Amino acid sequence: MTNLGPNNGNGERSRPPQVQRDLTANNFRFRELFDFHREVFLTSGALILLFVAVTLIFKEPAENVFGQIQTFIAEGMGWFMILAVSTCLIFVIIMALSKFGQIRIGGQDARPEFPTFAWVAMLISAGMGTGLLFWSVAEPIYHFQSPPAVIGTIEPGTVEAARQSLGVTFFHWGFHAWGMYALVGLGLAFFAYNKGLPLTMRSVFYPILGDRIFGWPGNVIDIVSVAATLFGLATSLGFGVQQVNAGFNFLLPGIPISTPVQVLLIAIITGFATASVVSGLDAGVRRLSELNMILAAILMIFVLFVGPTIFILGSFVETTGYYIASLPTLSFWTETFQGGNWQNSWTVFYWGWWVSWSPFVGIFIARISKGRTVREFVLGVLLLPSLLTFLWMSVFGSTALSLELGGSTIISDAVGENVATALFVMLDQLPLTGITSLVGIILVVVFFVTSSDSGSLVVDSIASGGNLESPVPQRVFWAIIEGAVAAVLLLGGGLQALQTAAITSGLPFAAVLLVLCYSLYKGLGDEYAVLQLRRSSAAEIPELAREEEPETVY
């Protein structure tokens, strides 16, 4: 087992390990404009720009290729995605509840930098973003109309279909999604703050690769991470801008729902994101995240009390129980015996989306989570955002389902015509439609900005060798690239292109995450051994209890 700590295992101090090497030492630097890792930045940037150019030049062939790729991956490798994501979730839960849960990120004396409210706000804004608004009404209605045969055939439009539709939505947005983020975030935070490694994806593989993470194997890992992150972000931003366009069309019918309008909106909102990037993490992302939480809470409480309140609260309780009871079956259901393609269109897409987002959200969570224990980190990332997500989905999804169960088809008709309009059609059934729809648009925009903002900081951190204070023009470059990729995906195939990008970038990274589980287990095992040795020594020689924590480089 590779020795990661400052102790040699016999209680003796050893030389500082080579993992403390500065990955940014050989960065390319040009005045105050650029400071990046040559191989990672140039290779990933060139690949992404090549993708943009080819998609724009060969628009129709690209659209056909997107469809073929999505079909091949979903049908041929869907089982692997389902197995990999469930395995990762089980792993992080075991780590939290095991003896490793007491290990503190940053050393045993470290304390959290951000209060819990700000921490949770940033988690939700970065981890889910525009998807919460895009799918909270549309997805339950989809499953209500076409129920998946998880536990047998269910007749569409029935009470049982409504219960399952919300439960399946919980499944797609619950513990599995946040399990991906918790795994990557924990690995990055631990190896960066406890072992002195750069805050990049390559660092979490040090127990397996050793110093080779500073060579081409590490470069490949970071290049894949940059690509996965960019396409995961572009998928979310593409969904978001479609909903912004639908919202403006709802309020101002003169604004058409069209790809050119959506591309223009991407350009405008990317400009806001760029301004936020310049402001930095604390001034930009934190304030926008807290603003988002407040606005989202106001809108959710409004819908809760003017909508079918008792039905919403009851469905939240009942659906949570249904979700927990069905979780083992849902987690490993591959639809093999039914022979359908529902799972490929929904669960495999979501798992690819969450996996592709995991480098971005993981690094972001790692940056804001120093000082928390492994148990606090994992349970906090898994439980708090998931419960808030369940409540949000219950409020909006249950309101839509209650209308459908009452005989109205207005929302299901909207979902069938243009899924991006579902939220606004539902709000139109409640009082103060103009105000709530405007708040909905603002929420989508601010979610868009915070995702692009924090995503730019994260991608730039990976591409600059873990540098957390890279030049502003460099971060602006990545913010613009994110918007450009989202625009190109819309031009090259719309919704299907967005889904294909998520699945394609998520598949190879799912295999990387399985290796990460083993690497993190080895790293936590070494750290726990050092802590046990110190406690044993302190019990035998009380003076050792007053010694400083083992020296680490941050």
Protein backbone atom coordinates (compact mmCIF):
# COMPACT_ATOMS: atom_id res chain seq x y z
CA MET A 1 0.00 0.00 0.00
CA THR A 2 1.39 3.41 -0.95
CA ASN A 3 2.36 5.52 2.03
CA LEU A 4 0.54 8.84 1.81
CA GLY A 5 1.14 10.20 5.27
CA PRO A 6 4.13 11.79 6.98
CA ASN A 7 4.52 8.66 9.12
CA ASN A 8 6.33 5.54 7.91
CA GLY A 9 3.93 3.21 9.74
CA ASN A 10 6.23 2.64 12.69
CA GLY A 11 5.59 5.89 14.44
CA GLU A 12 8.73 7.50 12.97
CA ARG A 13 8.71 10.73 10.98
CA SER A 14 9.66 10.21 7.34
CA ARG A 15 10.68 12.72 4.68
CA PRO A 16 7.88 14.78 3.09
CA PRO A 17 6.29 12.54 0.44
CA GLN A 18 6.60 13.44 -3.23
CA VAL A 19 2.84 13.83 -3.48
CA GLN A 20 3.45 17.38 -2.31
CA ARG A 21 4.89 18.26 -5.73
CA ASP A 22 3.43 21.47 -7.19
CA LEU A 23 1.68 20.53 -10.42
CA THR A 24 1.55 24.20 -11.46
CA ALA A 25 5.35 24.60 -11.34
CA ASN A 26 5.72 24.00 -15.10
CA ASN A 27 2.57 25.84 -16.16
CA PHE A 28 2.66 28.09 -19.19
CA ARG A 29 2.42 31.67 -17.93
CA PHE A 30 1.97 34.86 -19.92
CA ARG A 31 1.81 38.08 -17.90
CA GLU A 32 -1.49 38.20 -16.02
CA LEU A 33 -3.52 36.65 -18.82
CA PHE A 34 -2.70 32.94 -18.79
CA ASP A 35 -1.39 30.38 -16.32
CA PHE A 36 -2.30 26.86 -17.42
CA HIS A 37 -1.07 23.27 -17.63
CA ARG A 38 0.10 22.95 -21.24
CA GLU A 39 -0.98 19.40 -22.05
CA VAL A 40 -4.36 19.50 -20.30
CA PHE A 41 -5.46 23.00 -21.33
CA LEU A 42 -4.35 22.84 -24.96
CA THR A 43 -5.50 19.27 -25.64
CA SER A 44 -8.91 19.57 -23.99
CA GLY A 45 -9.47 23.02 -25.47
CA ALA A 46 -8.53 21.81 -28.96
CA LEU A 47 -10.80 18.76 -28.74
CA ILE A 48 -13.77 20.83 -27.59
CA LEU A 49 -13.22 23.49 -30.28
CA LEU A 50 -12.89 20.73 -32.90
CA PHE A 51 -16.22 19.30 -31.76
CA VAL A 52 -17.84 22.74 -32.04
CA ALA A 53 -16.45 23.29 -35.53
CA VAL A 54 -17.43 19.85 -36.88
CA THR A 55 -20.96 20.11 -35.45
CA LEU A 56 -21.49 23.54 -37.01
CA ILE A 57 -20.09 22.52 -40.39
CA PHE A 58 -21.86 19.16 -40.62
CA LYS A 59 -25.12 20.01 -38.89
CA GLU A 60 -27.49 17.37 -40.33
CA PRO A 61 -24.98 14.47 -40.34
CA ALA A 62 -24.02 15.45 -36.79
CA GLU A 63 -27.65 15.17 -35.70
CA ASN A 64 -27.86 11.65 -37.12
CA VAL A 65 -24.59 10.66 -35.49
CA PHE A 66 -25.82 11.94 -32.11
CA GLY A 67 -28.86 9.68 -32.35
CA GLN A 68 -26.81 6.62 -33.32
CA ILE A 69 -24.29 7.18 -30.51
CA GLN A 70 -27.02 7.56 -27.90
CA THR A 71 -28.75 4.36 -29.08
CA PHE A 72 -25.51 2.36 -29.09
CA ILE A 73 -24.40 3.44 -25.62
CA ALA A 74 -27.84 3.16 -24.03
CA GLU A 75 -28.59 -0.29 -25.45
CA GLY A 76 -25.10 -1.76 -25.20
CA MET A 77 -23.75 -0.22 -22.00
CA GLY A 78 -26.85 0.82 -20.05
CA TRP A 79 -26.43 -2.11 -17.66
CA PHE A 80 -22.90 -0.93 -16.84
CA MET A 81 -24.01 2.63 -16.08
CA ILE A 82 -26.73 1.36 -13.73
CA LEU A 83 -24.35 -1.01 -11.93
CA ALA A 84 -21.54 1.55 -11.66
CA VAL A 85 -23.69 4.36 -10.23
CA SER A 86 -25.36 2.09 -7.65
CA THR A 87 -21.97 0.69 -6.61
CA CYS A 88 -20.59 4.18 -6.04
CA LEU A 89 -23.60 5.14 -3.90
CA ILE A 90 -23.23 2.04 -1.72
CA PHE A 91 -19.51 2.75 -1.34
CA VAL A 92 -19.87 6.32 -0.04
CA ILE A 93 -22.57 5.26 2.43
CA ILE A 94 -20.28 2.54 3.78
CA MET A 95 -17.41 5.04 4.11
CA ALA A 96 -19.64 7.45 6.06
CA LEU A 97 -20.91 4.82 8.49
CA SER A 98 -17.57 3.03 8.89
CA LYS A 99 -14.60 3.87 11.10
CA PHE A 100 -13.39 6.24 8.36
CA GLY A 101 -16.31 8.58 9.07
CA GLN A 102 -14.43 10.30 11.90
CA ILE A 103 -11.60 11.49 9.63
CA ARG A 104 -11.77 15.27 9.17
CA ILE A 105 -11.06 16.92 5.83
CA GLY A 106 -8.06 19.20 6.25
CA GLY A 107 -6.83 17.63 9.50
CA GLN A 108 -8.47 17.00 12.85
CA ASP A 109 -8.20 20.68 13.87
CA ALA A 110 -9.79 22.06 10.70
CA ARG A 111 -13.20 23.72 10.91
CA PRO A 112 -15.78 24.56 8.19
CA GLU A 113 -15.16 27.72 6.18
CA PHE A 114 -18.82 28.29 5.25
CA PRO A 115 -21.90 28.11 7.51
CA THR A 116 -24.30 25.25 6.84
CA PHE A 117 -26.94 27.38 5.07
CA ALA A 118 -24.43 28.83 2.60
CA TRP A 119 -22.87 25.36 2.14
CA VAL A 120 -26.21 23.70 1.32
CA ALA A 121 -27.23 26.62 -0.93
CA MET A 122 -24.07 26.29 -2.99
CA LEU A 123 -24.48 22.50 -3.12
CA ILE A 124 -27.97 22.72 -4.60
CA SER A 125 -27.22 25.59 -7.00
CA ALA A 126 -24.16 23.83 -8.40
CA GLY A 127 -25.43 20.26 -8.13
CA MET A 128 -28.82 20.46 -9.80
CA GLY A 129 -29.33 23.91 -11.24
CA THR A 130 -31.77 24.47 -14.06
CA GLY A 131 -32.83 20.81 -14.16
CA LEU A 132 -34.93 21.19 -11.01
CA LEU A 133 -37.12 23.73 -12.76
CA PHE A 134 -37.08 22.04 -16.16
CA TRP A 135 -38.14 18.55 -15.02
CA SER A 136 -40.07 19.11 -11.75
CA VAL A 137 -43.39 19.30 -13.61
CA ALA A 138 -42.54 17.57 -16.88
CA GLU A 139 -41.00 14.32 -15.63
CA PRO A 140 -43.84 13.19 -13.31
CA ILE A 141 -46.32 13.91 -16.10
CA TYR A 142 -44.23 11.89 -18.58
CA HIS A 143 -44.22 8.85 -16.27
CA PHE A 144 -47.90 9.39 -15.44
CA GLN A 145 -48.74 9.11 -19.14
CA SER A 146 -46.31 6.23 -19.85
CA PRO A 147 -45.58 4.33 -16.61
CA PRO A 148 -42.41 2.20 -16.55
CA ALA A 149 -43.00 -1.48 -15.77
CA VAL A 150 -40.77 -1.58 -12.70
CA ILE A 151 -43.03 -3.87 -10.63
CA GLY A 152 -45.44 -4.92 -13.33
CA THR A 153 -47.65 -3.20 -15.86
CA ILE A 154 -49.46 -0.10 -14.61
CA GLU A 155 -52.32 1.54 -16.47
CA PRO A 156 -51.53 5.13 -17.55
CA GLY A 157 -53.45 7.96 -15.88
CA THR A 158 -54.32 6.03 -12.73
CA VAL A 159 -53.62 6.75 -9.07
CA GLU A 160 -50.94 4.03 -9.04
CA ALA A 161 -49.33 5.62 -12.09
CA ALA A 162 -49.27 8.97 -10.29
CA ARG A 163 -47.63 7.47 -7.19
CA GLN A 164 -44.98 5.66 -9.22
CA SER A 165 -44.33 8.66 -11.48
CA LEU A 166 -43.31 10.84 -8.56
CA GLY A 167 -41.35 8.00 -6.94
CA VAL A 168 -39.35 7.40 -10.12
CA THR A 169 -38.67 11.14 -10.33
CA PHE A 170 -37.31 11.00 -6.77
CA PHE A 171 -35.11 8.11 -7.87
CA HIS A 172 -33.60 10.07 -10.74
CA TRP A 173 -32.92 13.18 -8.65
CA GLY A 174 -32.16 11.65 -5.26
CA PHE A 175 -29.41 9.67 -3.57
CA HIS A 176 -27.81 8.27 -6.72
CA ALA A 177 -27.16 11.70 -8.19
CA TRP A 178 -25.77 13.09 -4.96
CA GLY A 179 -23.82 9.88 -4.37
CA MET A 180 -21.77 10.67 -7.49
CA TYR A 181 -21.06 14.15 -6.22
CA ALA A 182 -20.23 12.91 -2.72
CA LEU A 183 -17.75 10.34 -4.05
CA VAL A 184 -15.83 12.73 -6.28
CA GLY A 185 -16.03 15.60 -3.80
CA LEU A 186 -14.80 13.47 -0.91
CA GLY A 187 -11.94 12.04 -2.93
CA LEU A 188 -10.79 15.46 -4.12
CA ALA A 189 -11.16 17.14 -0.74
CA PHE A 190 -9.34 14.36 1.09
CA PHE A 191 -6.35 14.12 -1.24
CA ALA A 192 -6.07 17.91 -1.60
CA TYR A 193 -6.49 19.02 2.01
CA ASN A 194 -5.16 15.98 3.88
CA LYS A 195 -2.40 14.89 1.51
CA GLY A 196 -1.24 18.09 -0.11
CA LEU A 197 -2.11 17.14 -3.68
CA PRO A 198 -3.41 19.52 -6.37
CA LEU A 199 -7.18 19.96 -6.53
CA THR A 200 -7.61 18.06 -9.80
CA MET A 201 -9.09 14.69 -10.71
CA ARG A 202 -5.68 13.07 -11.20
CA SER A 203 -4.90 13.49 -7.51
CA VAL A 204 -7.47 10.94 -6.34
CA PHE A 205 -5.60 8.18 -8.16
CA TYR A 206 -2.28 8.65 -6.35
CA PRO A 207 -2.64 5.48 -4.22
CA ILE A 208 -2.84 3.48 -7.47
CA LEU A 209 -0.63 5.42 -9.91
CA GLY A 210 1.85 7.03 -7.52
CA ASP A 211 3.99 9.76 -9.09
CA ARG A 212 2.69 8.79 -12.53
CA ILE A 213 -0.26 11.09 -11.89
CA PHE A 214 2.17 13.92 -12.70
CA GLY A 215 2.84 12.40 -16.14
CA TRP A 216 0.72 11.40 -19.13
CA PRO A 217 -1.69 9.11 -17.20
CA GLY A 218 -2.66 12.06 -15.00
CA ASN A 219 -2.96 14.31 -18.05
CA VAL A 220 -5.39 11.86 -19.67
CA ILE A 221 -7.53 11.75 -16.51
CA ASP A 222 -7.75 15.54 -16.36
CA ILE A 223 -8.47 15.88 -20.08
CA VAL A 224 -11.37 13.42 -19.79
CA SER A 225 -12.57 15.33 -16.72
CA VAL A 226 -12.56 18.66 -18.56
CA ALA A 227 -14.48 17.19 -21.51
CA ALA A 228 -17.03 15.44 -19.26
CA THR A 229 -17.56 18.59 -17.23
CA LEU A 230 -18.00 20.85 -20.27
CA PHE A 231 -20.56 18.56 -21.90
CA GLY A 232 -22.41 17.97 -18.63
CA LEU A 233 -22.67 21.72 -18.11
CA ALA A 234 -23.70 22.30 -21.70
CA THR A 235 -26.51 19.77 -21.30
CA SER A 236 -27.91 21.61 -18.30
CA LEU A 237 -27.46 25.02 -19.86
CA GLY A 238 -29.20 23.83 -23.02
CA PHE A 239 -32.23 22.67 -21.03
CA GLY A 240 -32.23 25.90 -19.07
CA VAL A 241 -32.19 28.22 -22.04
CA GLN A 242 -35.06 26.29 -23.66
CA GLN A 243 -37.10 26.94 -20.54
CA VAL A 244 -36.13 30.63 -20.42
CA ASN A 245 -37.27 30.94 -24.04
CA ALA A 246 -40.55 29.19 -23.20
CA GLY A 247 -41.07 31.49 -20.22
CA PHE A 248 -40.56 34.65 -22.25
CA ASN A 249 -42.89 33.31 -24.93
CA PHE A 250 -45.50 32.64 -22.24
CA LEU A 251 -45.25 36.18 -20.87
CA LEU A 252 -44.62 37.89 -24.21
CA PRO A 253 -46.16 35.81 -27.03
CA GLY A 254 -44.36 37.96 -29.59
CA ILE A 255 -41.08 36.25 -28.67
CA PRO A 256 -41.00 32.97 -30.64
CA ILE A 257 -39.75 29.64 -29.32
CA SER A 258 -36.87 28.96 -31.70
CA THR A 259 -33.24 27.91 -31.77
CA PRO A 260 -31.95 31.37 -32.85
CA VAL A 261 -33.69 32.98 -29.87
CA GLN A 262 -32.23 30.34 -27.56
CA VAL A 263 -28.72 30.91 -28.93
CA LEU A 264 -29.15 34.65 -28.36
CA LEU A 265 -30.30 33.97 -24.79
CA ILE A 266 -27.25 31.77 -24.23
CA ALA A 267 -25.02 34.64 -25.33
CA ILE A 268 -26.75 37.11 -23.00
CA ILE A 269 -26.80 34.83 -19.97
CA THR A 270 -23.20 33.73 -20.59
CA GLY A 271 -22.33 37.42 -20.33
CA PHE A 272 -23.90 37.51 -16.86
CA ALA A 273 -22.01 34.33 -15.95
CA THR A 274 -18.77 35.89 -17.12
CA ALA A 275 -19.35 38.90 -14.87
CA SER A 276 -19.97 36.54 -11.97
CA VAL A 277 -16.77 34.61 -12.78
CA VAL A 278 -14.78 37.82 -12.49
CA SER A 279 -16.26 38.42 -9.02
CA GLY A 280 -14.85 35.14 -7.66
CA LEU A 281 -16.20 32.32 -5.46
CA ASP A 282 -17.26 34.21 -2.36
CA ALA A 283 -18.61 37.37 -3.97
CA GLY A 284 -20.08 35.71 -7.05
CA VAL A 285 -21.17 32.12 -6.57
CA ARG A 286 -21.99 32.35 -2.87
CA ARG A 287 -24.22 35.42 -3.16
CA LEU A 288 -26.01 34.17 -6.26
CA SER A 289 -26.53 30.76 -4.65
CA GLU A 290 -28.08 32.32 -1.55
CA LEU A 291 -30.27 34.57 -3.73
CA ASN A 292 -31.40 31.49 -5.64
CA MET A 293 -32.27 29.64 -2.45
CA ILE A 294 -34.39 32.55 -1.21
CA LEU A 295 -36.25 32.99 -4.52
CA ALA A 296 -36.77 29.24 -4.91
CA ALA A 297 -38.08 28.98 -1.33
CA ILE A 298 -40.53 31.85 -1.94
CA LEU A 299 -41.85 30.27 -5.14
CA MET A 300 -42.10 26.81 -3.57
CA ILE A 301 -43.94 28.08 -0.48
CA PHE A 302 -46.32 30.07 -2.67
CA VAL A 303 -47.21 27.01 -4.79
CA LEU A 304 -47.49 24.89 -1.65
CA PHE A 305 -50.08 27.14 -0.03
CA VAL A 306 -52.12 28.25 -3.06
CA GLY A 307 -52.02 24.80 -4.64
CA PRO A 308 -53.51 21.56 -3.26
CA THR A 309 -51.65 21.85 0.06
CA ILE A 310 -52.91 18.69 1.78
CA PHE A 311 -52.41 16.64 -1.38
CA ILE A 312 -48.85 17.95 -1.74
CA LEU A 313 -47.88 17.22 1.86
CA GLY A 314 -49.45 13.79 1.75
CA SER A 315 -47.77 12.91 -1.52
CA PHE A 316 -44.39 14.04 -0.15
CA VAL A 317 -44.68 11.63 2.77
CA GLU A 318 -46.14 8.76 0.74
CA THR A 319 -43.76 9.12 -2.19
CA THR A 320 -40.72 9.31 0.09
CA GLY A 321 -41.78 5.99 1.61
CA TYR A 322 -42.41 4.52 -1.84
CA TYR A 323 -38.97 5.68 -2.98
CA ILE A 324 -37.16 4.19 0.02
CA ALA A 325 -39.07 0.90 -0.24
CA SER A 326 -38.45 0.64 -3.99
CA LEU A 327 -34.83 1.83 -3.92
CA PRO A 328 -33.17 -1.65 -4.03
CA THR A 329 -35.30 -2.70 -7.00
CA LEU A 330 -34.94 0.60 -8.87
CA SER A 331 -31.18 0.74 -8.29
CA PHE A 332 -30.48 -2.44 -10.23
CA TRP A 333 -33.40 -2.57 -12.65
CA THR A 334 -32.13 -2.83 -16.25
CA GLU A 335 -35.46 -3.62 -17.99
CA THR A 336 -33.82 -6.74 -19.45
CA PHE A 337 -36.81 -9.06 -19.14
CA GLN A 338 -39.36 -6.50 -20.31
CA GLY A 339 -37.28 -5.76 -23.41
CA GLY A 340 -38.24 -2.07 -23.57
CA ASN A 341 -36.20 1.11 -23.92
CA TRP A 342 -37.69 3.26 -21.15
CA GLN A 343 -34.68 2.73 -18.90
CA ASN A 344 -32.28 3.71 -21.67
CA SER A 345 -34.19 6.91 -22.39
CA TRP A 346 -34.48 7.97 -18.75
CA THR A 347 -32.27 6.37 -16.11
CA VAL A 348 -29.22 5.82 -18.32
CA PHE A 349 -29.47 9.40 -19.54
CA TYR A 350 -29.70 10.74 -16.01
CA TRP A 351 -26.82 8.61 -14.75
CA GLY A 352 -24.66 9.78 -17.65
CA TRP A 353 -25.64 13.37 -16.87
CA TRP A 354 -24.80 13.08 -13.17
CA VAL A 355 -21.53 11.26 -13.85
CA SER A 356 -20.47 13.90 -16.38
CA TRP A 357 -21.28 16.60 -13.83
CA SER A 358 -19.40 14.86 -11.03
CA PRO A 359 -15.92 16.36 -11.70
CA PHE A 360 -17.42 19.85 -11.76
CA VAL A 361 -19.67 19.47 -8.73
CA GLY A 362 -17.13 17.31 -6.91
CA ILE A 363 -14.34 19.87 -7.16
CA PHE A 364 -16.73 22.66 -6.26
CA ILE A 365 -17.99 20.76 -3.20
CA ALA A 366 -14.39 19.96 -2.22
CA ARG A 367 -13.49 23.65 -2.33
CA ILE A 368 -16.27 24.60 0.07
CA SER A 369 -16.13 21.60 2.44
CA LYS A 370 -12.79 21.81 4.19
CA GLY A 371 -13.14 21.20 7.93
CA ARG A 372 -16.04 18.72 7.79
CA THR A 373 -15.67 15.07 8.78
CA VAL A 374 -16.10 12.30 6.23
CA ARG A 375 -19.39 11.30 7.91
CA GLU A 376 -20.67 14.89 8.03
CA PHE A 377 -19.59 15.46 4.44
CA VAL A 378 -21.22 12.35 2.96
CA LEU A 379 -24.44 12.46 4.97
CA GLY A 380 -24.73 16.22 4.41
CA VAL A 381 -24.23 15.93 0.65
CA LEU A 382 -26.55 12.93 0.38
CA LEU A 383 -29.39 13.79 2.74
CA LEU A 384 -29.89 17.58 2.87
CA PRO A 385 -29.98 18.36 -0.87
CA SER A 386 -31.94 15.14 -1.59
CA LEU A 387 -34.65 15.95 0.94
CA LEU A 388 -34.96 19.50 -0.35
CA THR A 389 -35.10 18.14 -3.89
CA PHE A 390 -37.86 15.69 -2.89
CA LEU A 391 -39.85 18.52 -1.33
CA TRP A 392 -39.43 20.67 -4.44
CA MET A 393 -40.46 17.83 -6.74
CA SER A 394 -43.45 17.06 -4.53
CA VAL A 395 -44.69 20.64 -4.53
CA PHE A 396 -44.50 21.15 -8.29
CA GLY A 397 -44.99 17.56 -9.46
CA SER A 398 -47.90 16.86 -7.13
CA THR A 399 -49.63 20.08 -8.12
CA ALA A 400 -49.44 19.04 -11.76
CA LEU A 401 -50.55 15.47 -10.98
CA SER A 402 -53.53 16.68 -8.93
CA LEU A 403 -54.76 18.61 -11.96
CA GLU A 404 -54.34 15.56 -14.17
CA LEU A 405 -56.10 13.26 -11.69
CA GLY A 406 -58.92 15.82 -11.58
CA GLY A 407 -59.55 15.35 -15.27
CA SER A 408 -57.54 18.21 -16.78
CA THR A 409 -55.10 17.41 -19.60
CA ILE A 410 -53.68 20.87 -20.08
CA ILE A 411 -50.28 20.05 -18.56
CA SER A 412 -49.90 16.69 -20.29
CA ASP A 413 -50.80 18.41 -23.58
CA ALA A 414 -48.10 21.02 -22.91
CA VAL A 415 -45.52 18.32 -22.12
CA GLY A 416 -46.36 16.55 -25.35
CA GLU A 417 -46.10 19.76 -27.37
CA ASN A 418 -43.06 21.42 -25.77
CA VAL A 419 -41.66 20.07 -22.51
CA ALA A 420 -39.99 23.40 -21.67
CA THR A 421 -43.39 25.07 -21.23
CA ALA A 422 -44.69 22.63 -18.59
CA LEU A 423 -43.71 24.72 -15.56
CA PHE A 424 -45.33 27.89 -16.91
CA VAL A 425 -48.52 26.12 -17.96
CA MET A 426 -48.81 24.71 -14.44
CA LEU A 427 -48.21 28.16 -12.88
CA ASP A 428 -50.93 29.51 -15.17
CA GLN A 429 -53.44 27.40 -13.23
CA LEU A 430 -52.60 29.29 -10.01
CA PRO A 431 -53.05 32.93 -8.93
CA LEU A 432 -50.51 35.67 -9.76
CA THR A 433 -49.38 33.86 -12.89
CA GLY A 434 -47.40 36.77 -14.31
CA ILE A 435 -45.38 37.27 -11.13
CA THR A 436 -44.68 33.58 -10.51
CA SER A 437 -43.71 33.01 -14.14
CA LEU A 438 -41.29 35.94 -13.97
CA VAL A 439 -39.79 34.52 -10.76
CA GLY A 440 -39.45 31.17 -12.55
CA ILE A 441 -37.55 32.79 -15.40
CA ILE A 442 -35.26 34.62 -12.96
CA LEU A 443 -34.58 31.35 -11.14
CA VAL A 444 -33.64 29.57 -14.35
CA VAL A 445 -31.33 32.44 -15.33
CA VAL A 446 -29.64 32.61 -11.93
CA PHE A 447 -29.27 28.81 -11.84
CA PHE A 448 -27.77 29.10 -15.31
CA VAL A 449 -25.33 31.77 -14.13
CA THR A 450 -24.26 29.92 -10.97
CA SER A 451 -23.72 26.67 -12.89
CA SER A 452 -21.66 28.40 -15.57
CA ASP A 453 -19.81 30.48 -12.97
CA SER A 454 -18.82 27.64 -10.67
CA GLY A 455 -18.25 25.36 -13.66
CA SER A 456 -15.76 27.82 -15.14
CA LEU A 457 -13.85 28.00 -11.88
CA VAL A 458 -13.73 24.21 -11.67
CA VAL A 459 -12.78 23.51 -15.29
CA ASP A 460 -10.09 26.16 -15.08
CA SER A 461 -8.76 24.61 -11.87
CA ILE A 462 -8.38 21.25 -13.63
CA ALA A 463 -6.84 22.78 -16.75
CA SER A 464 -4.34 24.82 -14.74
CA GLY A 465 -2.95 22.00 -12.60
CA GLY A 466 -5.09 22.67 -9.54
CA ASN A 467 -4.43 26.41 -9.42
CA LEU A 468 -7.26 28.00 -7.44
CA GLU A 469 -6.24 31.58 -8.26
CA SER A 470 -5.81 31.47 -12.02
CA PRO A 471 -6.02 34.68 -14.11
CA VAL A 472 -9.47 36.11 -14.76
CA PRO A 473 -9.17 36.07 -18.59
CA GLN A 474 -8.56 32.33 -18.42
CA ARG A 475 -11.72 31.72 -16.39
CA VAL A 476 -13.64 33.94 -18.80
CA PHE A 477 -12.42 31.76 -21.68
CA TRP A 478 -14.02 28.66 -20.13
CA ALA A 479 -17.27 30.50 -19.37
CA ILE A 480 -17.53 31.48 -23.04
CA ILE A 481 -16.66 27.94 -24.20
CA GLU A 482 -19.46 26.51 -22.01
CA GLY A 483 -21.99 28.79 -23.64
CA ALA A 484 -20.61 28.01 -27.11
CA VAL A 485 -20.90 24.24 -26.59
CA ALA A 486 -24.48 24.57 -25.33
CA ALA A 487 -25.38 26.70 -28.37
CA VAL A 488 -23.74 24.28 -30.79
CA LEU A 489 -25.54 21.28 -29.25
CA LEU A 490 -28.87 23.07 -29.72
CA LEU A 491 -27.97 23.87 -33.34
CA GLY A 492 -26.77 20.32 -33.94
CA GLY A 493 -29.80 18.38 -32.74
CA GLY A 494 -31.62 20.06 -29.88
CA LEU A 495 -32.80 17.89 -27.00
CA GLN A 496 -31.40 14.65 -28.42
CA ALA A 497 -27.96 16.20 -28.89
CA LEU A 498 -28.00 17.39 -25.27
CA GLN A 499 -28.91 13.92 -24.01
CA THR A 500 -26.28 12.28 -26.22
CA ALA A 501 -23.58 14.62 -24.93
CA ALA A 502 -24.41 13.72 -21.33
CA ILE A 503 -24.45 9.95 -21.94
CA THR A 504 -21.35 9.91 -24.17
CA SER A 505 -19.18 11.92 -21.79
CA GLY A 506 -20.52 10.10 -18.74
CA LEU A 507 -19.84 6.51 -19.88
CA PRO A 508 -16.01 6.52 -19.76
CA PHE A 509 -16.03 8.54 -16.58
CA ALA A 510 -18.26 5.98 -14.85
CA ALA A 511 -15.39 3.49 -15.15
CA VAL A 512 -13.04 6.11 -13.71
CA LEU A 513 -15.31 6.50 -10.69
CA LEU A 514 -15.19 2.78 -9.93
CA VAL A 515 -11.40 2.97 -9.80
CA LEU A 516 -11.75 6.06 -7.61
CA CYS A 517 -13.67 3.99 -5.02
CA TYR A 518 -10.70 1.67 -4.57
CA SER A 519 -8.20 4.54 -4.53
CA LEU A 520 -10.16 6.48 -1.92
CA TYR A 521 -10.51 3.38 0.25
CA LYS A 522 -6.72 2.97 0.26
CA GLY A 523 -6.16 6.64 1.06
CA LEU A 524 -8.65 6.71 3.93
CA GLY A 525 -7.16 3.48 5.27
CA ASP A 526 -3.70 5.05 5.45
CA GLU A 527 -5.07 8.16 7.15
CA TYR A 528 -7.00 6.13 9.71
CA ALA A 529 -3.88 4.10 10.52
CA VAL A 530 -1.95 7.32 11.22
CA LEU A 531 -4.74 8.61 13.49
CA GLN A 532 -4.87 5.35 15.40
CA LEU A 533 -1.09 5.39 15.83
CA ARG A 534 -1.19 8.92 17.21
CA ARG A 535 -3.95 8.02 19.66
CA SER A 536 -2.08 4.96 20.79
CA SER A 537 1.11 6.98 21.26
CA ALA A 538 -0.76 9.73 23.08
CA ALA A 539 -2.23 7.19 25.50
CA GLU A 540 1.22 5.80 26.29
CA ILE A 541 3.03 9.16 26.33
CA PRO A 542 0.60 11.97 27.27
CA GLU A 543 2.98 14.68 26.03
CA LEU A 544 2.37 13.50 22.46
CA ALA A 545 -1.27 14.53 22.72
CA ARG A 546 -0.10 18.15 22.67
CA GLU A 547 1.88 17.74 19.45
CA GLU A 548 0.70 19.40 16.28
CA GLU A 549 -1.16 17.50 13.63
CA PRO A 550 1.00 15.63 11.09
CA GLU A 551 2.49 18.15 8.72
CA THR A 552 0.65 18.53 5.43
CA VAL A 553 1.01 20.89 2.50
CA TYR A 554 -2.11 22.76 1.39
